[in-house]
N, C-alpha and C. Protein backbone atom coordinates (compact mmCIF):
# COMPACT_ATOMS: atom_id res chain seq x y z
N MET A 1 27.47 5.12 -63.35
CA MET A 1 27.78 3.78 -63.81
C MET A 1 27.14 3.47 -65.17
N HIS A 2 26.40 4.42 -65.73
CA HIS A 2 25.79 4.20 -67.04
C HIS A 2 26.87 4.16 -68.11
N PRO A 3 26.81 3.20 -69.03
CA PRO A 3 27.86 3.07 -70.04
C PRO A 3 28.03 4.30 -70.94
N LEU A 4 26.99 5.08 -71.12
CA LEU A 4 27.09 6.26 -71.97
C LEU A 4 27.62 7.48 -71.23
N ASP A 5 27.75 7.37 -69.92
CA ASP A 5 28.29 8.47 -69.12
C ASP A 5 29.80 8.49 -69.27
N THR A 6 30.34 9.56 -69.82
CA THR A 6 31.78 9.62 -70.09
C THR A 6 32.54 10.49 -69.09
N ASN A 7 31.87 11.05 -68.11
CA ASN A 7 32.55 11.88 -67.12
C ASN A 7 33.39 11.03 -66.18
N ASP A 8 34.59 11.49 -65.88
CA ASP A 8 35.46 10.79 -64.94
C ASP A 8 35.27 11.39 -63.55
N ARG A 9 34.64 10.62 -62.68
CA ARG A 9 34.31 11.12 -61.34
C ARG A 9 35.14 10.45 -60.26
N ARG A 10 36.22 9.78 -60.62
CA ARG A 10 37.01 9.04 -59.63
C ARG A 10 37.58 9.96 -58.55
N ASP A 11 38.13 11.10 -58.95
CA ASP A 11 38.68 12.01 -57.94
C ASP A 11 37.59 12.56 -57.03
N LEU A 12 36.45 12.90 -57.61
CA LEU A 12 35.32 13.38 -56.81
C LEU A 12 34.89 12.32 -55.80
N LEU A 13 34.78 11.08 -56.24
CA LEU A 13 34.36 9.99 -55.35
C LEU A 13 35.34 9.78 -54.22
N ARG A 14 36.63 9.84 -54.53
CA ARG A 14 37.65 9.58 -53.52
C ARG A 14 37.76 10.74 -52.53
N GLU A 15 37.73 11.97 -53.02
CA GLU A 15 38.03 13.11 -52.17
C GLU A 15 36.80 13.73 -51.50
N LYS A 16 35.74 13.98 -52.25
CA LYS A 16 34.61 14.74 -51.69
C LYS A 16 33.40 13.89 -51.35
N ALA A 17 33.16 12.82 -52.09
CA ALA A 17 31.94 12.05 -51.88
C ALA A 17 32.07 11.02 -50.75
N GLY A 18 33.28 10.77 -50.29
CA GLY A 18 33.46 9.88 -49.15
C GLY A 18 33.32 8.40 -49.45
N LEU A 19 33.64 8.01 -50.65
CA LEU A 19 33.52 6.60 -51.01
C LEU A 19 34.41 5.72 -50.14
N GLY A 20 35.53 6.25 -49.70
CA GLY A 20 36.44 5.49 -48.86
C GLY A 20 35.89 5.19 -47.48
N PHE A 21 34.86 5.90 -47.06
CA PHE A 21 34.27 5.66 -45.74
C PHE A 21 33.33 4.47 -45.73
N CYS A 22 32.95 3.98 -46.89
CA CYS A 22 32.07 2.81 -46.96
C CYS A 22 32.90 1.56 -46.68
N ASN A 23 32.51 0.80 -45.67
CA ASN A 23 33.27 -0.39 -45.31
C ASN A 23 32.63 -1.67 -45.87
N ILE A 24 31.69 -1.52 -46.76
CA ILE A 24 31.06 -2.62 -47.50
C ILE A 24 30.47 -3.69 -46.58
N THR A 25 29.74 -3.28 -45.57
CA THR A 25 29.06 -4.24 -44.70
C THR A 25 27.69 -4.62 -45.24
N LYS A 26 27.26 -3.93 -46.28
CA LYS A 26 25.97 -4.16 -46.95
C LYS A 26 24.78 -3.82 -46.07
N CYS A 27 25.00 -2.98 -45.06
CA CYS A 27 23.89 -2.55 -44.20
C CYS A 27 22.86 -1.77 -45.01
N CYS A 28 23.34 -0.95 -45.97
CA CYS A 28 22.41 -0.15 -46.77
C CYS A 28 21.55 -1.05 -47.65
N THR A 29 22.12 -2.15 -48.13
CA THR A 29 21.36 -3.09 -48.96
C THR A 29 20.29 -3.78 -48.12
N GLU A 30 20.64 -4.13 -46.90
CA GLU A 30 19.70 -4.84 -46.02
C GLU A 30 18.49 -3.99 -45.66
N VAL A 31 18.67 -2.69 -45.49
CA VAL A 31 17.56 -1.84 -45.05
C VAL A 31 16.87 -1.11 -46.20
N CYS A 32 17.34 -1.29 -47.43
CA CYS A 32 16.75 -0.58 -48.57
C CYS A 32 15.32 -1.05 -48.81
N PRO A 33 14.36 -0.12 -48.77
CA PRO A 33 12.96 -0.52 -48.98
C PRO A 33 12.67 -0.94 -50.43
N GLU A 34 13.52 -0.55 -51.35
CA GLU A 34 13.32 -0.91 -52.76
C GLU A 34 14.15 -2.13 -53.17
N HIS A 35 14.86 -2.72 -52.22
CA HIS A 35 15.69 -3.91 -52.46
C HIS A 35 16.75 -3.68 -53.54
N ILE A 36 17.34 -2.51 -53.51
CA ILE A 36 18.41 -2.18 -54.45
C ILE A 36 19.71 -2.73 -53.87
N LYS A 37 20.43 -3.43 -54.67
CA LYS A 37 21.72 -3.99 -54.24
C LYS A 37 22.83 -3.00 -54.60
N ILE A 38 22.81 -1.86 -53.94
CA ILE A 38 23.73 -0.77 -54.27
C ILE A 38 25.18 -1.14 -53.99
N THR A 39 25.42 -1.95 -52.97
CA THR A 39 26.80 -2.32 -52.65
C THR A 39 27.41 -3.13 -53.78
N ASP A 40 26.70 -4.13 -54.25
CA ASP A 40 27.23 -5.00 -55.31
C ASP A 40 27.22 -4.33 -56.68
N ASN A 41 26.21 -3.52 -56.95
CA ASN A 41 26.05 -2.95 -58.28
C ASN A 41 26.73 -1.60 -58.48
N ALA A 42 27.07 -0.90 -57.41
CA ALA A 42 27.65 0.42 -57.58
C ALA A 42 28.87 0.68 -56.70
N ILE A 43 28.76 0.46 -55.42
CA ILE A 43 29.84 0.86 -54.51
C ILE A 43 31.11 0.05 -54.75
N ILE A 44 31.00 -1.26 -54.84
CA ILE A 44 32.19 -2.09 -55.05
C ILE A 44 32.85 -1.78 -56.40
N PRO A 45 32.10 -1.72 -57.52
CA PRO A 45 32.76 -1.36 -58.79
C PRO A 45 33.39 0.03 -58.77
N LEU A 46 32.74 0.99 -58.10
CA LEU A 46 33.32 2.33 -58.02
C LEU A 46 34.60 2.33 -57.20
N LYS A 47 34.60 1.60 -56.09
CA LYS A 47 35.82 1.52 -55.28
C LYS A 47 36.95 0.87 -56.07
N GLU A 48 36.64 -0.14 -56.87
CA GLU A 48 37.66 -0.78 -57.70
C GLU A 48 38.24 0.22 -58.71
N ARG A 49 37.39 1.02 -59.32
CA ARG A 49 37.87 2.03 -60.28
C ARG A 49 38.77 3.05 -59.61
N VAL A 50 38.37 3.51 -58.44
CA VAL A 50 39.17 4.52 -57.72
C VAL A 50 40.53 3.94 -57.34
N VAL A 51 40.55 2.71 -56.84
CA VAL A 51 41.80 2.08 -56.44
C VAL A 51 42.69 1.84 -57.65
N ASP A 52 42.11 1.35 -58.75
CA ASP A 52 42.90 1.13 -59.96
C ASP A 52 43.55 2.42 -60.43
N ASN A 53 42.80 3.50 -60.40
CA ASN A 53 43.32 4.79 -60.85
C ASN A 53 44.38 5.34 -59.91
N SER A 54 44.25 5.10 -58.64
CA SER A 54 45.14 5.70 -57.64
C SER A 54 46.37 4.87 -57.31
N TYR A 55 46.23 3.55 -57.29
CA TYR A 55 47.29 2.71 -56.74
C TYR A 55 47.87 1.67 -57.70
N ASP A 56 47.35 1.56 -58.89
CA ASP A 56 47.88 0.59 -59.86
C ASP A 56 49.24 1.04 -60.36
N PRO A 57 50.30 0.22 -60.20
CA PRO A 57 51.63 0.65 -60.61
C PRO A 57 51.75 0.92 -62.11
N LEU A 58 51.00 0.21 -62.93
CA LEU A 58 51.07 0.46 -64.37
C LEU A 58 50.44 1.81 -64.74
N VAL A 59 49.37 2.17 -64.06
CA VAL A 59 48.76 3.48 -64.28
C VAL A 59 49.72 4.58 -63.84
N TRP A 60 50.38 4.38 -62.70
CA TRP A 60 51.37 5.34 -62.20
C TRP A 60 52.51 5.52 -63.20
N LEU A 61 53.02 4.41 -63.72
CA LEU A 61 54.11 4.47 -64.69
C LEU A 61 53.67 5.17 -65.97
N GLY A 62 52.46 4.88 -66.42
CA GLY A 62 51.93 5.54 -67.62
C GLY A 62 51.83 7.04 -67.44
N ARG A 63 51.40 7.49 -66.25
CA ARG A 63 51.32 8.93 -65.98
C ARG A 63 52.71 9.56 -66.01
N LYS A 64 53.69 8.89 -65.44
CA LYS A 64 55.07 9.41 -65.43
C LYS A 64 55.60 9.55 -66.85
N ILE A 65 55.36 8.55 -67.68
CA ILE A 65 55.84 8.59 -69.06
C ILE A 65 55.16 9.70 -69.83
N ARG A 66 53.83 9.84 -69.65
CA ARG A 66 53.10 10.90 -70.36
C ARG A 66 53.59 12.28 -69.95
N ARG A 67 53.86 12.48 -68.66
CA ARG A 67 54.38 13.77 -68.19
C ARG A 67 55.76 14.07 -68.80
N ARG A 68 56.57 13.04 -68.87
CA ARG A 68 57.91 13.23 -69.42
C ARG A 68 57.84 13.58 -70.91
N ILE A 69 56.97 12.93 -71.64
CA ILE A 69 56.82 13.22 -73.07
C ILE A 69 56.30 14.63 -73.28
N LYS A 70 55.33 15.06 -72.47
CA LYS A 70 54.79 16.42 -72.60
C LYS A 70 55.82 17.49 -72.27
N SER A 71 56.71 17.22 -71.31
CA SER A 71 57.68 18.23 -70.91
C SER A 71 58.85 18.32 -71.89
N ASP A 72 59.07 17.31 -72.72
CA ASP A 72 60.18 17.34 -73.70
C ASP A 72 59.87 18.16 -74.89
C-alpha cells in the first residue's frame, strides 16, 4: 500500500493470498496487540482494488479494446 510501490499484486492477492476469504468482521483489529487498524487501512482498500480490476465493466471493455488493437 506504499505509494512508491509500483508492483501490481492484485492477481496474487485474489488467487494465492486469500484476500477473498476475509469477511471484514474486524476481528483481527479487535485482537491486535499493537492496535493496528488493518481492516480499514489495508484489507478494505485492497479488496476494492481487486474488485475494480476484476469486475469493473469499463476495465473489461478497455482490456478487450487493447487486445483487439494488439492483434490487428
